[in-house]
Amino acid sequence: MRFTNDPFSPPELEVRADTAELTRLNEFQDEIITTNSRLVFDQVFSVPIFQDRILIDRREQEPGLFNIGFDDDDRGGLFIERGFTIVNTPRIRWRLTPQYFVQRAIFEEGFLDLDSLGVRSNFDVFFDERTTLTAATSLTSLDVTRYRETLRNDLRLQRALGSPGSSAFPDPAIHFSRSLFNGSLGFQTVQSSFGAIFTSPVIALGTSGVNLTYQASVQRITADTDRADLLLPDREDDRITL
């Protein structure tokens, strides 16, 4: 039995085993049990693998010791983060990701300042292979007195419609205090938004090799504005809803 994702033929690296048994654990995970498994390099040199169980997980993963990112608006530029899985079951997964804002710590706040630290949380519920609920929360500062400025929330439900080979995705979502992109204004922070995006299945245009997808969306947004003509004379804040 041979396993490889090497595109070359013959492959330069592959796993070989005397026997292999594949078991489907749930909609998202498969288990492979092998005997006498080994890594083979260039069809010549082999190294034994002292692991007879491999778990294949189709859910999104975060590889690496830590991730490097850049966010000039909310995190002050360059930052690093490392995710930790708190709950990991076939139906529920919860990850916490502490963040350290390197550029902000060096040039602005200081290495141990609470504004140089942040955290994000991702909570996923997998109802089945075609339905997923995702709740994402982030704090771009651990100074709790500033939570109204630094807290971001995102609740999203995705359900695939149609046959598995040509699924469409209606994507209702609720956001609280987050940045949204506008083609003429760039990224703007809104207080809340509620809406849905419908993404079509991939449509092949004959035998041309060109594929077509389209999106339709509707959204209700509440945000601050500097347009005085849109505001009421007697008001508590400068927010409007569109």
C-alpha atoms as a PDB file:
ATOM      1  CA  MET A   1       0.000   0.000   0.000  1.00  0.00           C
ATOM      2  CA  ARG A   2       1.369   3.425  -0.979  1.00  0.00           C
ATOM      3  CA  PHE A   3       0.320   6.994  -0.030  1.00  0.00           C
ATOM      4  CA  THR A   4       1.658  10.218  -1.503  1.00  0.00           C
ATOM      5  CA  ASN A   5       0.674  13.724  -2.586  1.00  0.00           C
ATOM      6  CA  ASP A   6       3.855  14.086  -4.636  1.00  0.00           C
ATOM      7  CA  PRO A   7       2.916  15.127  -8.219  1.00  0.00           C
ATOM      8  CA  PHE A   8       5.999  13.482  -9.740  1.00  0.00           C
ATOM      9  CA  SER A   9       5.993   9.997 -11.245  1.00  0.00           C
ATOM     10  CA  PRO A  10       7.577   8.078  -9.685  1.00  0.00           C
ATOM     11  CA  PRO A  11       7.111  10.109  -6.478  1.00  0.00           C
ATOM     12  CA  GLU A  12      10.189  11.384  -4.669  1.00  0.00           C
ATOM     13  CA  LEU A  13       8.528  10.891  -1.281  1.00  0.00           C
ATOM     14  CA  GLU A  14       5.819   8.428  -0.288  1.00  0.00           C
ATOM     15  CA  VAL A  15       4.536   6.377   2.620  1.00  0.00           C
ATOM     16  CA  ARG A  16       4.454   2.617   2.183  1.00  0.00           C
ATOM     17  CA  ALA A  17       2.770   0.057   4.413  1.00  0.00           C
ATOM     18  CA  ASP A  18       2.127  -3.676   4.323  1.00  0.00           C
ATOM     19  CA  THR A  19      -1.557  -3.149   5.110  1.00  0.00           C
ATOM     20  CA  ALA A  20      -3.853  -0.162   5.608  1.00  0.00           C
ATOM     21  CA  GLU A  21      -7.405   0.087   6.944  1.00  0.00           C
ATOM     22  CA  LEU A  22      -9.533   3.205   6.450  1.00  0.00           C
ATOM     23  CA  THR A  23     -12.384   3.894   8.892  1.00  0.00           C
ATOM     24  CA  ARG A  24     -14.768   6.828   8.681  1.00  0.00           C
ATOM     25  CA  LEU A  25     -15.198   8.193  12.206  1.00  0.00           C
ATOM     26  CA  ASN A  26     -17.717  10.931  11.361  1.00  0.00           C
ATOM     27  CA  GLU A  27     -18.559  13.420   8.604  1.00  0.00           C
ATOM     28  CA  PHE A  28     -15.272  15.283   9.093  1.00  0.00           C
ATOM     29  CA  GLN A  29     -12.700  12.715  10.255  1.00  0.00           C
ATOM     30  CA  ASP A  30     -11.234   9.489   8.851  1.00  0.00           C
ATOM     31  CA  GLU A  31      -8.802   7.121  10.560  1.00  0.00           C
ATOM     32  CA  ILE A  32      -6.080   5.123   8.785  1.00  0.00           C
ATOM     33  CA  ILE A  33      -4.481   2.152  10.609  1.00  0.00           C
ATOM     34  CA  THR A  34      -1.305   0.789   8.969  1.00  0.00           C
ATOM     35  CA  THR A  35       1.218  -1.975   9.638  1.00  0.00           C
ATOM     36  CA  ASN A  36       4.970  -1.737   9.046  1.00  0.00           C
ATOM     37  CA  SER A  37       4.665   1.797   7.650  1.00  0.00           C
ATOM     38  CA  ARG A  38       7.745   3.645   6.396  1.00  0.00           C
ATOM     39  CA  LEU A  39       8.842   6.763   4.490  1.00  0.00           C
ATOM     40  CA  VAL A  40      10.511   6.069   1.155  1.00  0.00           C
ATOM     41  CA  PHE A  41      12.783   8.660  -0.501  1.00  0.00           C
ATOM     42  CA  ASP A  42      13.454   8.516  -4.259  1.00  0.00           C
ATOM     43  CA  GLN A  43      12.276   4.879  -4.383  1.00  0.00           C
ATOM     44  CA  VAL A  44      15.531   3.815  -2.676  1.00  0.00           C
ATOM     45  CA  PHE A  45      16.018   4.955   0.917  1.00  0.00           C
ATOM     46  CA  SER A  46      13.371   4.166   3.559  1.00  0.00           C
ATOM     47  CA  VAL A  47      12.883   5.174   7.191  1.00  0.00           C
ATOM     48  CA  PRO A  48      10.436   3.373   9.511  1.00  0.00           C
ATOM     49  CA  ILE A  49       7.514   5.344  10.936  1.00  0.00           C
ATOM     50  CA  PHE A  50       6.740   4.454  14.529  1.00  0.00           C
ATOM     51  CA  GLN A  51       3.119   5.494  14.220  1.00  0.00           C
ATOM     52  CA  ASP A  52       0.396   3.175  12.993  1.00  0.00           C
ATOM     53  CA  ARG A  53      -2.545   5.594  13.243  1.00  0.00           C
ATOM     54  CA  ILE A  54      -3.197   8.655  11.066  1.00  0.00           C
ATOM     55  CA  LEU A  55      -6.193  10.950  11.611  1.00  0.00           C
ATOM     56  CA  ILE A  56      -7.466  12.860   8.570  1.00  0.00           C
ATOM     57  CA  ASP A  57      -9.507  15.930   9.522  1.00  0.00           C
ATOM     58  CA  ARG A  58     -11.325  17.873   6.796  1.00  0.00           C
ATOM     59  CA  ARG A  59     -11.940  20.886   9.037  1.00  0.00           C
ATOM     60  CA  GLU A  60      -9.743  23.974   8.714  1.00  0.00           C
ATOM     61  CA  GLN A  61      -6.452  23.725  10.613  1.00  0.00           C
ATOM     62  CA  GLU A  62      -3.785  26.245  11.702  1.00  0.00           C
ATOM     63  CA  PRO A  63      -0.343  24.739  11.011  1.00  0.00           C
ATOM     64  CA  GLY A  64       2.986  25.991  12.327  1.00  0.00           C
ATOM     65  CA  LEU A  65       4.423  27.025  15.688  1.00  0.00           C
ATOM     66  CA  PHE A  66       2.939  30.504  15.287  1.00  0.00           C
ATOM     67  CA  ASN A  67       1.486  32.698  12.572  1.00  0.00           C
ATOM     68  CA  ILE A  68       2.719  36.110  11.478  1.00  0.00           C
ATOM     69  CA  GLY A  69       0.219  38.755  10.400  1.00  0.00           C
ATOM     70  CA  PHE A  70      -0.055  42.443   9.603  1.00  0.00           C
ATOM     71  CA  ASP A  71      -2.960  44.705  10.574  1.00  0.00           C
ATOM     72  CA  ASP A  72      -2.200  48.420  10.532  1.00  0.00           C
ATOM     73  CA  ASP A  73      -5.699  49.498  11.596  1.00  0.00           C
ATOM     74  CA  ASP A  74      -6.576  47.475  14.714  1.00  0.00           C
ATOM     75  CA  ARG A  75      -3.283  45.861  15.778  1.00  0.00           C
ATOM     76  CA  GLY A  76      -0.692  48.507  15.021  1.00  0.00           C
ATOM     77  CA  GLY A  77       1.081  46.623  12.237  1.00  0.00           C
ATOM     78  CA  LEU A  78       3.115  43.414  12.554  1.00  0.00           C
ATOM     79  CA  PHE A  79       1.853  40.824  15.070  1.00  0.00           C
ATOM     80  CA  ILE A  80       2.302  37.152  15.927  1.00  0.00           C
ATOM     81  CA  GLU A  81      -0.289  34.663  17.174  1.00  0.00           C
ATOM     82  CA  ARG A  82      -0.550  31.054  18.313  1.00  0.00           C
ATOM     83  CA  GLY A  83      -3.773  29.054  18.416  1.00  0.00           C
ATOM     84  CA  PHE A  84      -4.752  26.510  21.066  1.00  0.00           C
ATOM     85  CA  THR A  85      -7.634  24.057  20.733  1.00  0.00           C
ATOM     86  CA  ILE A  86      -9.751  24.081  23.898  1.00  0.00           C
ATOM     87  CA  VAL A  87     -12.546  21.771  22.699  1.00  0.00           C
ATOM     88  CA  ASN A  88     -12.248  19.405  19.731  1.00  0.00           C
ATOM     89  CA  THR A  89     -15.088  16.943  19.155  1.00  0.00           C
ATOM     90  CA  PRO A  90     -16.672  15.713  15.922  1.00  0.00           C
ATOM     91  CA  ARG A  91     -19.423  18.340  16.312  1.00  0.00           C
ATOM     92  CA  ILE A  92     -17.849  21.231  18.215  1.00  0.00           C
ATOM     93  CA  ARG A  93     -14.465  22.936  18.039  1.00  0.00           C
ATOM     94  CA  TRP A  94     -13.309  25.933  20.074  1.00  0.00           C
ATOM     95  CA  ARG A  95      -9.949  27.605  19.527  1.00  0.00           C
ATOM     96  CA  LEU A  96      -8.361  30.464  21.476  1.00  0.00           C
ATOM     97  CA  THR A  97      -5.552  32.408  19.829  1.00  0.00           C
ATOM     98  CA  PRO A  98      -3.466  34.802  21.960  1.00  0.00           C
ATOM     99  CA  GLN A  99      -1.858  37.597  19.932  1.00  0.00           C
ATOM    100  CA  TYR A 100       1.168  39.812  20.539  1.00  0.00           C
ATOM    101  CA  PHE A 101       1.357  43.081  18.621  1.00  0.00           C
ATOM    102  CA  VAL A 102       5.092  43.334  17.982  1.00  0.00           C
ATOM    103  CA  GLN A 103       5.182  46.614  16.079  1.00  0.00           C
ATOM    104  CA  ARG A 104       2.861  48.357  18.539  1.00  0.00           C
ATOM    105  CA  ALA A 105       4.934  47.105  21.497  1.00  0.00           C
ATOM    106  CA  ILE A 106       8.213  48.374  20.013  1.00  0.00           C
ATOM    107  CA  PHE A 107       7.137  51.763  18.684  1.00  0.00           C
ATOM    108  CA  GLU A 108       4.077  52.746  20.745  1.00  0.00           C
ATOM    109  CA  GLU A 109       2.859  51.079  23.923  1.00  0.00           C
ATOM    110  CA  GLY A 110       5.720  49.028  25.399  1.00  0.00           C
ATOM    111  CA  PHE A 111       6.401  45.300  25.602  1.00  0.00           C
ATOM    112  CA  LEU A 112       4.168  44.535  28.625  1.00  0.00           C
ATOM    113  CA  ASP A 113       1.385  47.044  28.017  1.00  0.00           C
ATOM    114  CA  LEU A 114      -2.136  45.606  27.799  1.00  0.00           C
ATOM    115  CA  ASP A 115      -2.618  47.358  24.453  1.00  0.00           C
ATOM    116  CA  SER A 116       0.200  45.197  23.043  1.00  0.00           C
ATOM    117  CA  LEU A 117      -1.771  42.017  23.757  1.00  0.00           C
ATOM    118  CA  GLY A 118      -4.921  40.630  22.193  1.00  0.00           C
ATOM    119  CA  VAL A 119      -6.881  37.435  21.731  1.00  0.00           C
ATOM    120  CA  ARG A 120      -9.348  35.944  19.290  1.00  0.00           C
ATOM    121  CA  SER A 121     -11.805  33.093  19.724  1.00  0.00           C
ATOM    122  CA  ASN A 122     -13.303  30.814  17.064  1.00  0.00           C
ATOM    123  CA  PHE A 123     -16.226  28.581  18.017  1.00  0.00           C
ATOM    124  CA  ASP A 124     -17.519  26.211  15.326  1.00  0.00           C
ATOM    125  CA  VAL A 125     -20.521  23.890  15.400  1.00  0.00           C
ATOM    126  CA  PHE A 126     -20.617  21.278  12.609  1.00  0.00           C
ATOM    127  CA  PHE A 127     -24.230  20.141  12.288  1.00  0.00           C
ATOM    128  CA  ASP A 128     -23.375  18.020   9.235  1.00  0.00           C
ATOM    129  CA  GLU A 129     -21.103  18.164   6.181  1.00  0.00           C
ATOM    130  CA  ARG A 130     -23.201  20.958   4.641  1.00  0.00           C
ATOM    131  CA  THR A 131     -24.167  23.103   7.657  1.00  0.00           C
ATOM    132  CA  THR A 132     -21.720  25.032   9.842  1.00  0.00           C
ATOM    133  CA  LEU A 133     -22.242  27.708  12.501  1.00  0.00           C
ATOM    134  CA  THR A 134     -19.235  29.924  13.274  1.00  0.00           C
ATOM    135  CA  ALA A 135     -18.913  32.464  16.093  1.00  0.00           C
ATOM    136  CA  ALA A 136     -15.750  34.585  16.014  1.00  0.00           C
ATOM    137  CA  THR A 137     -14.716  37.128  18.650  1.00  0.00           C
ATOM    138  CA  SER A 138     -11.554  39.211  18.896  1.00  0.00           C
ATOM    139  CA  LEU A 139     -10.112  41.728  21.347  1.00  0.00           C
ATOM    140  CA  THR A 140      -7.403  43.989  19.969  1.00  0.00           C
ATOM    141  CA  SER A 141      -6.402  45.076  23.483  1.00  0.00           C
ATOM    142  CA  LEU A 142      -6.599  43.373  26.880  1.00  0.00           C
ATOM    143  CA  ASP A 143      -7.424  46.722  28.505  1.00  0.00           C
ATOM    144  CA  VAL A 144     -11.019  45.914  29.494  1.00  0.00           C
ATOM    145  CA  THR A 145     -11.888  49.593  29.955  1.00  0.00           C
ATOM    146  CA  ARG A 146     -11.634  49.991  26.152  1.00  0.00           C
ATOM    147  CA  TYR A 147     -13.737  46.977  25.149  1.00  0.00           C
ATOM    148  CA  ARG A 148     -16.256  49.118  23.241  1.00  0.00           C
ATOM    149  CA  GLU A 149     -13.445  50.144  20.868  1.00  0.00           C
ATOM    150  CA  THR A 150     -11.551  46.855  20.661  1.00  0.00           C
ATOM    151  CA  LEU A 151     -14.218  44.122  20.688  1.00  0.00           C
ATOM    152  CA  ARG A 152     -15.212  42.529  17.370  1.00  0.00           C
ATOM    153  CA  ASN A 153     -17.921  39.849  16.985  1.00  0.00           C
ATOM    154  CA  ASP A 154     -19.009  37.806  13.993  1.00  0.00           C
ATOM    155  CA  LEU A 155     -21.774  35.163  13.898  1.00  0.00           C
ATOM    156  CA  ARG A 156     -22.188  33.215  10.652  1.00  0.00           C
ATOM    157  CA  LEU A 157     -24.299  30.250   9.501  1.00  0.00           C
ATOM    158  CA  GLN A 158     -23.450  28.510   6.231  1.00  0.00           C
ATOM    159  CA  ARG A 159     -25.639  25.907   4.559  1.00  0.00           C
ATOM    160  CA  ALA A 160     -24.914  24.289   1.203  1.00  0.00           C
ATOM    161  CA  LEU A 161     -27.946  23.836  -1.065  1.00  0.00           C
ATOM    162  CA  GLY A 162     -28.297  21.603  -4.075  1.00  0.00           C
ATOM    163  CA  SER A 163     -26.404  18.439  -4.966  1.00  0.00           C
ATOM    164  CA  PRO A 164     -22.928  17.877  -3.443  1.00  0.00           C
ATOM    165  CA  GLY A 165     -21.243  18.409  -6.792  1.00  0.00           C
ATOM    166  CA  SER A 166     -22.930  21.750  -7.504  1.00  0.00           C
ATOM    167  CA  SER A 167     -23.753  23.326  -4.161  1.00  0.00           C
ATOM    168  CA  ALA A 168     -24.845  26.917  -3.626  1.00  0.00           C
ATOM    169  CA  PHE A 169     -24.092  28.652  -0.335  1.00  0.00           C
ATOM    170  CA  PRO A 170     -26.519  31.069   1.354  1.00  0.00           C
ATOM    171  CA  ASP A 171     -24.460  32.731   4.091  1.00  0.00           C
ATOM    172  CA  PRO A 172     -26.482  34.759   6.651  1.00  0.00           C
ATOM    173  CA  ALA A 173     -24.259  36.693   9.060  1.00  0.00           C
ATOM    174  CA  ILE A 174     -24.462  39.064  12.032  1.00  0.00           C
ATOM    175  CA  HIS A 175     -21.530  41.363  12.865  1.00  0.00           C
ATOM    176  CA  PHE A 176     -20.995  43.685  15.819  1.00  0.00           C
ATOM    177  CA  SER A 177     -18.310  46.395  15.739  1.00  0.00           C
ATOM    178  CA  ARG A 178     -16.127  45.309  12.857  1.00  0.00           C
ATOM    179  CA  SER A 179     -14.464  46.659   9.720  1.00  0.00           C
ATOM    180  CA  LEU A 180     -16.208  46.228   6.382  1.00  0.00           C
ATOM    181  CA  PHE A 181     -14.763  47.018   2.957  1.00  0.00           C
ATOM    182  CA  ASN A 182     -16.371  49.527   0.613  1.00  0.00           C
ATOM    183  CA  GLY A 183     -15.050  49.929  -2.923  1.00  0.00           C
ATOM    184  CA  SER A 184     -14.890  53.741  -2.751  1.00  0.00           C
ATOM    185  CA  LEU A 185     -14.288  54.312   0.982  1.00  0.00           C
ATOM    186  CA  GLY A 186     -11.976  51.397   1.829  1.00  0.00           C
ATOM    187  CA  PHE A 187     -12.249  49.728   5.243  1.00  0.00           C
ATOM    188  CA  GLN A 188     -14.773  51.361   7.572  1.00  0.00           C
ATOM    189  CA  THR A 189     -15.694  50.379  11.142  1.00  0.00           C
ATOM    190  CA  VAL A 190     -19.409  49.741  11.653  1.00  0.00           C
ATOM    191  CA  GLN A 191     -21.314  49.232  14.897  1.00  0.00           C
ATOM    192  CA  SER A 192     -23.391  46.325  13.600  1.00  0.00           C
ATOM    193  CA  SER A 193     -24.496  44.672  10.388  1.00  0.00           C
ATOM    194  CA  PHE A 194     -27.014  41.987   9.535  1.00  0.00           C
ATOM    195  CA  GLY A 195     -27.317  40.381   6.147  1.00  0.00           C
ATOM    196  CA  ALA A 196     -26.812  37.414   3.880  1.00  0.00           C
ATOM    197  CA  ILE A 197     -24.654  36.498   0.897  1.00  0.00           C
ATOM    198  CA  PHE A 198     -25.750  33.911  -1.671  1.00  0.00           C
ATOM    199  CA  THR A 199     -22.871  32.304  -3.579  1.00  0.00           C
ATOM    200  CA  SER A 200     -23.770  30.289  -6.659  1.00  0.00           C
ATOM    201  CA  PRO A 201     -22.328  26.900  -7.563  1.00  0.00           C
ATOM    202  CA  VAL A 202     -19.479  26.829 -10.070  1.00  0.00           C
ATOM    203  CA  ILE A 203     -20.893  26.997 -13.605  1.00  0.00           C
ATOM    204  CA  ALA A 204     -18.748  25.619 -16.434  1.00  0.00           C
ATOM    205  CA  LEU A 205     -19.066  27.640 -19.666  1.00  0.00           C
ATOM    206  CA  GLY A 206     -19.170  24.842 -22.195  1.00  0.00           C
ATOM    207  CA  THR A 207     -15.778  23.340 -23.022  1.00  0.00           C
ATOM    208  CA  SER A 208     -13.911  26.664 -22.844  1.00  0.00           C
ATOM    209  CA  GLY A 209     -12.310  25.837 -19.490  1.00  0.00           C
ATOM    210  CA  VAL A 210     -13.802  29.033 -18.026  1.00  0.00           C
ATOM    211  CA  ASN A 211     -15.877  28.729 -14.851  1.00  0.00           C
ATOM    212  CA  LEU A 212     -18.403  31.284 -13.613  1.00  0.00           C
ATOM    213  CA  THR A 213     -19.686  32.031 -10.113  1.00  0.00           C
ATOM    214  CA  TYR A 214     -21.794  34.938  -8.905  1.00  0.00           C
ATOM    215  CA  GLN A 215     -22.893  36.445  -5.602  1.00  0.00           C
ATOM    216  CA  ALA A 216     -26.007  38.282  -4.468  1.00  0.00           C
ATOM    217  CA  SER A 217     -26.201  40.014  -1.106  1.00  0.00           C
ATOM    218  CA  VAL A 218     -28.385  42.155   1.127  1.00  0.00           C
ATOM    219  CA  GLN A 219     -27.179  43.958   4.247  1.00  0.00           C
ATOM    220  CA  ARG A 220     -28.470  46.267   6.983  1.00  0.00           C
ATOM    221  CA  ILE A 221     -25.693  48.375   8.561  1.00  0.00           C
ATOM    222  CA  THR A 222     -25.591  50.669  11.590  1.00  0.00           C
ATOM    223  CA  ALA A 223     -22.547  52.961  11.752  1.00  0.00           C
ATOM    224  CA  ASP A 224     -21.338  56.437  12.681  1.00  0.00           C
ATOM    225  CA  THR A 225     -21.553  59.095   9.968  1.00  0.00           C
ATOM    226  CA  ASP A 226     -20.236  62.617   9.417  1.00  0.00           C
ATOM    227  CA  ARG A 227     -23.154  63.450   7.077  1.00  0.00           C
ATOM    228  CA  ALA A 228     -25.148  66.021   9.070  1.00  0.00           C
ATOM    229  CA  ASP A 229     -28.037  65.860   6.579  1.00  0.00           C
ATOM    230  CA  LEU A 230     -28.642  62.210   7.528  1.00  0.00           C
ATOM    231  CA  LEU A 231     -28.819  62.853  11.284  1.00  0.00           C
ATOM    232  CA  LEU A 232     -31.771  63.900  13.413  1.00  0.00           C
ATOM    233  CA  PRO A 233     -31.471  67.219  15.297  1.00  0.00           C
ATOM    234  CA  ASP A 234     -32.248  65.547  18.646  1.00  0.00           C
ATOM    235  CA  ARG A 235     -30.024  62.460  18.972  1.00  0.00           C
ATOM    236  CA  GLU A 236     -27.800  60.557  21.400  1.00  0.00           C
ATOM    237  CA  ASP A 237     -25.036  59.712  18.903  1.00  0.00           C
ATOM    238  CA  ASP A 238     -24.053  60.074  15.241  1.00  0.00           C
ATOM    239  CA  ARG A 239     -25.201  56.624  14.108  1.00  0.00           C
ATOM    240  CA  ILE A 240     -27.502  55.860  11.208  1.00  0.00           C
ATOM    241  CA  THR A 241     -28.912  52.643   9.775  1.00  0.00           C
ATOM    242  CA  LEU A 242     -28.887  51.878   6.067  1.00  0.00           C
END
